[in-house]
């Protein structure tokens, strides 16, 4: 299991910070109809429960937005990934059907409200991830976004540099169809779904849909 270290600035802003960790050996295939039906049901639940201007009041999303503001980042300009997903759903724009690993992460994120980092474990350099605060001199390629300004944003770094934020993960460690080792971090900066429940649900989804073996789970914080 990967080691996690968290900068004191993160903990000062969000003392309740907890990180749910799941690692597993997986098969990343195109998303099957059964998984997609679960995602569509979760999306419909969001449409029924929330108006567009209410979604940022979900506890998990509000907690992450609070952290952004505390670090000097505008959470309305750099939206938390779970908030962005839910906003797309409510606006009727839908979400993309991609691969099993991406869509399992999206499903848990939609239901829990947590921003979740989905990483190819074989592309992580070293045995430790440190969550710190992004700097202006760091180059960061957000998945499908190009260069992302991560200054003032909570960011995971491995031994080579930044690889994940609650807004977007980095191209270097993204899931691909060749991914066989998944490292998933559930970022809970304020409580909504119990983190233990989210971790166990994620593990069960990986086992059901991604043929996961060698599953390890832990909670930091």
C-alpha atoms as a PDB file:
ATOM      1  CA  UNK A   1       0.000   0.000   0.000  1.00  0.00           C
ATOM      2  CA  UNK A   2       1.214   3.471  -0.890  1.00  0.00           C
ATOM      3  CA  UNK A   3       2.283   5.769   1.938  1.00  0.00           C
ATOM      4  CA  UNK A   4       0.443   9.084   2.330  1.00  0.00           C
ATOM      5  CA  UNK A   5       1.759  12.307   3.851  1.00  0.00           C
ATOM      6  CA  UNK A   6      -0.364  15.463   4.175  1.00  0.00           C
ATOM      7  CA  UNK A   7       0.946  19.029   4.408  1.00  0.00           C
ATOM      8  CA  UNK A   8       0.024  20.852   7.611  1.00  0.00           C
ATOM      9  CA  UNK A   9      -1.579  23.633   5.565  1.00  0.00           C
ATOM     10  CA  UNK A  10      -4.151  21.124   4.297  1.00  0.00           C
ATOM     11  CA  UNK A  11      -4.872  19.835   7.782  1.00  0.00           C
ATOM     12  CA  UNK A  12      -5.105  23.343   9.229  1.00  0.00           C
ATOM     13  CA  UNK A  13      -7.787  24.273   6.694  1.00  0.00           C
ATOM     14  CA  UNK A  14      -9.637  20.928   6.872  1.00  0.00           C
ATOM     15  CA  UNK A  15      -8.882  19.134  10.155  1.00  0.00           C
ATOM     16  CA  UNK A  16     -11.360  16.370   9.288  1.00  0.00           C
ATOM     17  CA  UNK A  17      -9.353  15.328   6.203  1.00  0.00           C
ATOM     18  CA  UNK A  18      -9.396  11.590   5.578  1.00  0.00           C
ATOM     19  CA  UNK A  19      -8.086   9.717   2.544  1.00  0.00           C
ATOM     20  CA  UNK A  20      -9.560   6.365   1.586  1.00  0.00           C
ATOM     21  CA  UNK A  21      -7.019   4.182  -0.218  1.00  0.00           C
ATOM     22  CA  UNK A  22      -7.661   1.252  -2.532  1.00  0.00           C
ATOM     23  CA  UNK A  23      -5.052  -0.602  -4.573  1.00  0.00           C
ATOM     24  CA  UNK A  24      -5.684  -3.637  -6.753  1.00  0.00           C
ATOM     25  CA  UNK A  25      -4.589  -5.633  -9.759  1.00  0.00           C
ATOM     26  CA  UNK A  26      -7.238  -4.991 -12.412  1.00  0.00           C
ATOM     27  CA  UNK A  27      -8.395  -5.416 -16.002  1.00  0.00           C
ATOM     28  CA  UNK A  28      -9.504  -2.131 -17.598  1.00  0.00           C
ATOM     29  CA  UNK A  29     -12.051  -2.916 -20.289  1.00  0.00           C
ATOM     30  CA  UNK A  30     -14.719  -0.822 -22.019  1.00  0.00           C
ATOM     31  CA  UNK A  31     -17.556  -0.107 -19.605  1.00  0.00           C
ATOM     32  CA  UNK A  32     -20.202  -2.840 -19.629  1.00  0.00           C
ATOM     33  CA  UNK A  33     -23.951  -2.209 -19.772  1.00  0.00           C
ATOM     34  CA  UNK A  34     -24.502  -3.259 -16.156  1.00  0.00           C
ATOM     35  CA  UNK A  35     -22.002  -0.730 -14.809  1.00  0.00           C
ATOM     36  CA  UNK A  36     -23.398   1.949 -17.086  1.00  0.00           C
ATOM     37  CA  UNK A  37     -26.904   1.251 -15.775  1.00  0.00           C
ATOM     38  CA  UNK A  38     -25.616   1.872 -12.236  1.00  0.00           C
ATOM     39  CA  UNK A  39     -24.115   5.178 -13.351  1.00  0.00           C
ATOM     40  CA  UNK A  40     -27.339   6.237 -15.062  1.00  0.00           C
ATOM     41  CA  UNK A  41     -29.317   5.416 -11.915  1.00  0.00           C
ATOM     42  CA  UNK A  42     -26.906   7.482  -9.812  1.00  0.00           C
ATOM     43  CA  UNK A  43     -27.180  10.351 -12.286  1.00  0.00           C
ATOM     44  CA  UNK A  44     -30.975  10.245 -12.159  1.00  0.00           C
ATOM     45  CA  UNK A  45     -30.842  10.389  -8.367  1.00  0.00           C
ATOM     46  CA  UNK A  46     -28.714  13.542  -8.575  1.00  0.00           C
ATOM     47  CA  UNK A  47     -31.149  15.119 -11.049  1.00  0.00           C
ATOM     48  CA  UNK A  48     -34.046  14.403  -8.718  1.00  0.00           C
ATOM     49  CA  UNK A  49     -32.371  15.610  -5.524  1.00  0.00           C
ATOM     50  CA  UNK A  50     -30.509  18.778  -6.494  1.00  0.00           C
ATOM     51  CA  UNK A  51     -30.929  22.033  -8.352  1.00  0.00           C
ATOM     52  CA  UNK A  52     -27.854  23.395 -10.131  1.00  0.00           C
ATOM     53  CA  UNK A  53     -27.123  26.054  -7.512  1.00  0.00           C
ATOM     54  CA  UNK A  54     -27.480  23.536  -4.667  1.00  0.00           C
ATOM     55  CA  UNK A  55     -24.843  21.048  -5.756  1.00  0.00           C
ATOM     56  CA  UNK A  56     -21.932  22.976  -4.240  1.00  0.00           C
ATOM     57  CA  UNK A  57     -23.683  22.731  -0.862  1.00  0.00           C
ATOM     58  CA  UNK A  58     -23.202  18.963  -0.676  1.00  0.00           C
ATOM     59  CA  UNK A  59     -20.939  18.474   2.377  1.00  0.00           C
ATOM     60  CA  UNK A  60     -18.123  16.711   0.520  1.00  0.00           C
ATOM     61  CA  UNK A  61     -18.088  19.285  -2.268  1.00  0.00           C
ATOM     62  CA  UNK A  62     -18.453  22.239   0.097  1.00  0.00           C
ATOM     63  CA  UNK A  63     -15.529  20.927   2.177  1.00  0.00           C
ATOM     64  CA  UNK A  64     -13.264  20.709  -0.853  1.00  0.00           C
ATOM     65  CA  UNK A  65     -14.320  24.168  -2.038  1.00  0.00           C
ATOM     66  CA  UNK A  66     -13.519  25.504   1.439  1.00  0.00           C
ATOM     67  CA  UNK A  67     -10.021  24.010   1.173  1.00  0.00           C
ATOM     68  CA  UNK A  68      -9.490  25.672  -2.211  1.00  0.00           C
ATOM     69  CA  UNK A  69     -10.508  29.068  -0.854  1.00  0.00           C
ATOM     70  CA  UNK A  70      -8.291  28.600   2.212  1.00  0.00           C
ATOM     71  CA  UNK A  71      -5.304  27.961  -0.070  1.00  0.00           C
ATOM     72  CA  UNK A  72      -6.112  30.940  -2.304  1.00  0.00           C
ATOM     73  CA  UNK A  73      -7.727  29.064  -5.212  1.00  0.00           C
ATOM     74  CA  UNK A  74     -11.086  30.033  -6.724  1.00  0.00           C
ATOM     75  CA  UNK A  75     -13.263  26.854  -6.585  1.00  0.00           C
ATOM     76  CA  UNK A  76     -15.769  28.324  -9.046  1.00  0.00           C
ATOM     77  CA  UNK A  77     -13.061  28.758 -11.687  1.00  0.00           C
ATOM     78  CA  UNK A  78     -11.269  25.487 -10.904  1.00  0.00           C
ATOM     79  CA  UNK A  79     -14.175  23.219 -10.076  1.00  0.00           C
ATOM     80  CA  UNK A  80     -13.854  20.119  -7.952  1.00  0.00           C
ATOM     81  CA  UNK A  81     -14.239  17.041 -10.185  1.00  0.00           C
ATOM     82  CA  UNK A  82     -17.261  15.655  -8.297  1.00  0.00           C
ATOM     83  CA  UNK A  83     -18.984  19.036  -8.532  1.00  0.00           C
ATOM     84  CA  UNK A  84     -18.227  19.249 -12.258  1.00  0.00           C
ATOM     85  CA  UNK A  85     -19.692  15.768 -12.816  1.00  0.00           C
ATOM     86  CA  UNK A  86     -22.881  16.580 -10.924  1.00  0.00           C
ATOM     87  CA  UNK A  87     -23.291  19.922 -12.681  1.00  0.00           C
ATOM     88  CA  UNK A  88     -23.053  18.212 -16.070  1.00  0.00           C
ATOM     89  CA  UNK A  89     -25.737  15.767 -14.992  1.00  0.00           C
ATOM     90  CA  UNK A  90     -28.112  18.451 -13.713  1.00  0.00           C
ATOM     91  CA  UNK A  91     -27.590  20.584 -16.829  1.00  0.00           C
ATOM     92  CA  UNK A  92     -28.537  17.612 -19.004  1.00  0.00           C
ATOM     93  CA  UNK A  93     -25.117  17.388 -20.659  1.00  0.00           C
ATOM     94  CA  UNK A  94     -24.580  13.783 -19.589  1.00  0.00           C
ATOM     95  CA  UNK A  95     -21.276  12.144 -18.767  1.00  0.00           C
ATOM     96  CA  UNK A  96     -18.935  10.247 -21.023  1.00  0.00           C
ATOM     97  CA  UNK A  97     -18.938   6.467 -21.123  1.00  0.00           C
ATOM     98  CA  UNK A  98     -15.261   5.540 -21.004  1.00  0.00           C
ATOM     99  CA  UNK A  99     -13.493   2.552 -19.434  1.00  0.00           C
ATOM    100  CA  UNK A 100     -14.317   0.462 -16.400  1.00  0.00           C
ATOM    101  CA  UNK A 101     -11.788   2.071 -14.061  1.00  0.00           C
ATOM    102  CA  UNK A 102     -12.726   5.630 -14.989  1.00  0.00           C
ATOM    103  CA  UNK A 103     -16.437   4.944 -14.743  1.00  0.00           C
ATOM    104  CA  UNK A 104     -16.194   3.108 -11.418  1.00  0.00           C
ATOM    105  CA  UNK A 105     -14.382   6.147 -10.025  1.00  0.00           C
ATOM    106  CA  UNK A 106     -17.057   8.427 -11.500  1.00  0.00           C
ATOM    107  CA  UNK A 107     -19.863   6.330 -10.006  1.00  0.00           C
ATOM    108  CA  UNK A 108     -18.468   6.506  -6.480  1.00  0.00           C
ATOM    109  CA  UNK A 109     -17.684  10.203  -6.904  1.00  0.00           C
ATOM    110  CA  UNK A 110     -21.238  11.016  -8.011  1.00  0.00           C
ATOM    111  CA  UNK A 111     -22.796   9.109  -5.114  1.00  0.00           C
ATOM    112  CA  UNK A 112     -20.355  10.179  -2.382  1.00  0.00           C
ATOM    113  CA  UNK A 113     -19.585  13.758  -3.441  1.00  0.00           C
ATOM    114  CA  UNK A 114     -15.860  13.128  -2.987  1.00  0.00           C
ATOM    115  CA  UNK A 115     -13.215  14.057  -5.541  1.00  0.00           C
ATOM    116  CA  UNK A 116     -11.376  10.808  -6.277  1.00  0.00           C
ATOM    117  CA  UNK A 117      -7.885  10.373  -7.707  1.00  0.00           C
ATOM    118  CA  UNK A 118      -7.653   7.359 -10.023  1.00  0.00           C
ATOM    119  CA  UNK A 119      -4.028   6.544 -10.756  1.00  0.00           C
ATOM    120  CA  UNK A 120      -2.071   3.904 -12.662  1.00  0.00           C
ATOM    121  CA  UNK A 121      -0.035   2.423  -9.833  1.00  0.00           C
ATOM    122  CA  UNK A 122       2.770   1.325 -12.141  1.00  0.00           C
ATOM    123  CA  UNK A 123       3.321   4.937 -13.211  1.00  0.00           C
ATOM    124  CA  UNK A 124       3.683   6.285  -9.684  1.00  0.00           C
ATOM    125  CA  UNK A 125       7.354   6.879  -8.875  1.00  0.00           C
ATOM    126  CA  UNK A 126       8.369   5.860  -5.360  1.00  0.00           C
ATOM    127  CA  UNK A 127       6.335   4.450  -2.481  1.00  0.00           C
ATOM    128  CA  UNK A 128       4.965   7.714  -1.052  1.00  0.00           C
ATOM    129  CA  UNK A 129       2.437  10.317  -2.155  1.00  0.00           C
ATOM    130  CA  UNK A 130       2.590  13.693  -0.453  1.00  0.00           C
ATOM    131  CA  UNK A 131      -0.426  15.985  -0.543  1.00  0.00           C
ATOM    132  CA  UNK A 132       0.797  19.558  -0.532  1.00  0.00           C
ATOM    133  CA  UNK A 133      -0.045  22.887  -2.142  1.00  0.00           C
ATOM    134  CA  UNK A 134       0.593  23.571  -5.808  1.00  0.00           C
ATOM    135  CA  UNK A 135       3.281  26.069  -6.820  1.00  0.00           C
ATOM    136  CA  UNK A 136       3.379  28.496  -9.734  1.00  0.00           C
ATOM    137  CA  UNK A 137       6.527  26.879 -11.172  1.00  0.00           C
ATOM    138  CA  UNK A 138       5.031  23.383 -11.500  1.00  0.00           C
ATOM    139  CA  UNK A 139       4.007  22.166 -14.953  1.00  0.00           C
ATOM    140  CA  UNK A 140       0.858  20.083 -14.793  1.00  0.00           C
ATOM    141  CA  UNK A 141      -1.024  18.468 -17.669  1.00  0.00           C
ATOM    142  CA  UNK A 142      -4.614  17.892 -16.574  1.00  0.00           C
ATOM    143  CA  UNK A 143      -6.302  14.963 -18.302  1.00  0.00           C
ATOM    144  CA  UNK A 144      -8.033  16.349 -21.391  1.00  0.00           C
ATOM    145  CA  UNK A 145      -7.403  19.919 -20.192  1.00  0.00           C
ATOM    146  CA  UNK A 146      -3.863  20.736 -21.279  1.00  0.00           C
ATOM    147  CA  UNK A 147      -1.748  22.864 -18.947  1.00  0.00           C
ATOM    148  CA  UNK A 148      -3.572  23.398 -15.643  1.00  0.00           C
ATOM    149  CA  UNK A 149      -2.581  26.133 -13.203  1.00  0.00           C
ATOM    150  CA  UNK A 150      -2.276  24.223  -9.911  1.00  0.00           C
ATOM    151  CA  UNK A 151      -0.878  27.112  -7.840  1.00  0.00           C
ATOM    152  CA  UNK A 152      -2.781  27.171  -4.553  1.00  0.00           C
ATOM    153  CA  UNK A 153      -4.487  23.848  -5.266  1.00  0.00           C
ATOM    154  CA  UNK A 154      -4.179  20.715  -3.095  1.00  0.00           C
ATOM    155  CA  UNK A 155      -1.956  18.338  -5.062  1.00  0.00           C
ATOM    156  CA  UNK A 156      -0.503  14.867  -4.695  1.00  0.00           C
ATOM    157  CA  UNK A 157       3.176  14.530  -5.628  1.00  0.00           C
ATOM    158  CA  UNK A 158       5.199  11.387  -6.162  1.00  0.00           C
ATOM    159  CA  UNK A 159       9.003  11.306  -6.380  1.00  0.00           C
ATOM    160  CA  UNK A 160       8.904  12.964  -9.840  1.00  0.00           C
ATOM    161  CA  UNK A 161       6.336  15.675  -9.214  1.00  0.00           C
ATOM    162  CA  UNK A 162       2.602  16.464  -9.161  1.00  0.00           C
ATOM    163  CA  UNK A 163       0.181  13.757 -10.318  1.00  0.00           C
ATOM    164  CA  UNK A 164      -3.300  14.494  -8.962  1.00  0.00           C
ATOM    165  CA  UNK A 165      -5.576  17.286  -7.749  1.00  0.00           C
ATOM    166  CA  UNK A 166      -9.279  17.295  -6.807  1.00  0.00           C
ATOM    167  CA  UNK A 167      -9.922  19.160 -10.075  1.00  0.00           C
ATOM    168  CA  UNK A 168      -8.102  16.852 -12.489  1.00  0.00           C
ATOM    169  CA  UNK A 169      -5.532  14.072 -12.415  1.00  0.00           C
ATOM    170  CA  UNK A 170      -2.309  14.338 -14.438  1.00  0.00           C
ATOM    171  CA  UNK A 171      -1.725  12.751 -17.837  1.00  0.00           C
ATOM    172  CA  UNK A 172       1.395  10.945 -16.604  1.00  0.00           C
ATOM    173  CA  UNK A 173      -0.423   8.610 -14.210  1.00  0.00           C
ATOM    174  CA  UNK A 174      -3.880   8.407 -15.815  1.00  0.00           C
ATOM    175  CA  UNK A 175      -5.782   5.160 -16.321  1.00  0.00           C
ATOM    176  CA  UNK A 176      -5.364   3.615 -19.779  1.00  0.00           C
ATOM    177  CA  UNK A 177      -6.561   0.360 -21.320  1.00  0.00           C
ATOM    178  CA  UNK A 178      -3.124  -1.028 -20.423  1.00  0.00           C
ATOM    179  CA  UNK A 179      -3.496  -0.255 -16.699  1.00  0.00           C
ATOM    180  CA  UNK A 180      -3.140  -3.388 -14.575  1.00  0.00           C
ATOM    181  CA  UNK A 181      -2.496  -1.796 -11.172  1.00  0.00           C
ATOM    182  CA  UNK A 182      -4.990   0.725  -9.865  1.00  0.00           C
ATOM    183  CA  UNK A 183      -4.290   3.170  -7.041  1.00  0.00           C
ATOM    184  CA  UNK A 184      -7.444   5.029  -6.018  1.00  0.00           C
ATOM    185  CA  UNK A 185      -7.535   7.795  -3.400  1.00  0.00           C
ATOM    186  CA  UNK A 186     -10.908   8.991  -2.085  1.00  0.00           C
ATOM    187  CA  UNK A 187     -10.327  12.560  -0.916  1.00  0.00           C
ATOM    188  CA  UNK A 188     -12.640  13.421   1.969  1.00  0.00           C
ATOM    189  CA  UNK A 189     -12.057  16.973   3.214  1.00  0.00           C
ATOM    190  CA  UNK A 190     -15.446  17.021   4.968  1.00  0.00           C
ATOM    191  CA  UNK A 191     -17.686  14.047   5.772  1.00  0.00           C
ATOM    192  CA  UNK A 192     -20.601  12.967   3.590  1.00  0.00           C
ATOM    193  CA  UNK A 193     -20.745   9.236   2.791  1.00  0.00           C
ATOM    194  CA  UNK A 194     -18.737   7.455   5.522  1.00  0.00           C
ATOM    195  CA  UNK A 195     -15.234   6.991   4.119  1.00  0.00           C
ATOM    196  CA  UNK A 196     -15.168   3.349   5.241  1.00  0.00           C
ATOM    197  CA  UNK A 197     -18.340   2.733   3.236  1.00  0.00           C
ATOM    198  CA  UNK A 198     -16.959   4.492   0.166  1.00  0.00           C
ATOM    199  CA  UNK A 199     -13.738   2.456   0.322  1.00  0.00           C
ATOM    200  CA  UNK A 200     -15.528  -0.865   0.643  1.00  0.00           C
ATOM    201  CA  UNK A 201     -17.968   0.017  -2.130  1.00  0.00           C
ATOM    202  CA  UNK A 202     -15.101   0.993  -4.421  1.00  0.00           C
ATOM    203  CA  UNK A 203     -13.330  -2.291  -3.689  1.00  0.00           C
ATOM    204  CA  UNK A 204     -16.485  -4.288  -4.416  1.00  0.00           C
ATOM    205  CA  UNK A 205     -17.067  -2.441  -7.706  1.00  0.00           C
ATOM    206  CA  UNK A 206     -13.487  -3.125  -8.792  1.00  0.00           C
ATOM    207  CA  UNK A 207     -13.955  -6.797  -7.974  1.00  0.00           C
ATOM    208  CA  UNK A 208     -17.288  -6.949  -9.811  1.00  0.00           C
ATOM    209  CA  UNK A 209     -16.420  -4.978 -12.932  1.00  0.00           C
ATOM    210  CA  UNK A 210     -12.608  -4.855 -13.221  1.00  0.00           C
ATOM    211  CA  UNK A 211     -11.845  -8.462 -12.178  1.00  0.00           C
ATOM    212  CA  UNK A 212      -9.831  -7.042  -9.276  1.00  0.00           C
ATOM    213  CA  UNK A 213      -7.470  -9.235  -7.269  1.00  0.00           C
ATOM    214  CA  UNK A 214      -4.843  -8.459  -4.613  1.00  0.00           C
ATOM    215  CA  UNK A 215      -7.162  -5.757  -3.235  1.00  0.00           C
ATOM    216  CA  UNK A 216      -5.737  -3.696  -0.385  1.00  0.00           C
ATOM    217  CA  UNK A 217      -7.591  -0.916   1.451  1.00  0.00           C
ATOM    218  CA  UNK A 218      -6.665   1.583   4.137  1.00  0.00           C
ATOM    219  CA  UNK A 219      -7.815   4.923   5.505  1.00  0.00           C
ATOM    220  CA  UNK A 220      -5.399   7.730   6.279  1.00  0.00           C
ATOM    221  CA  UNK A 221      -6.529  10.162   8.952  1.00  0.00           C
END
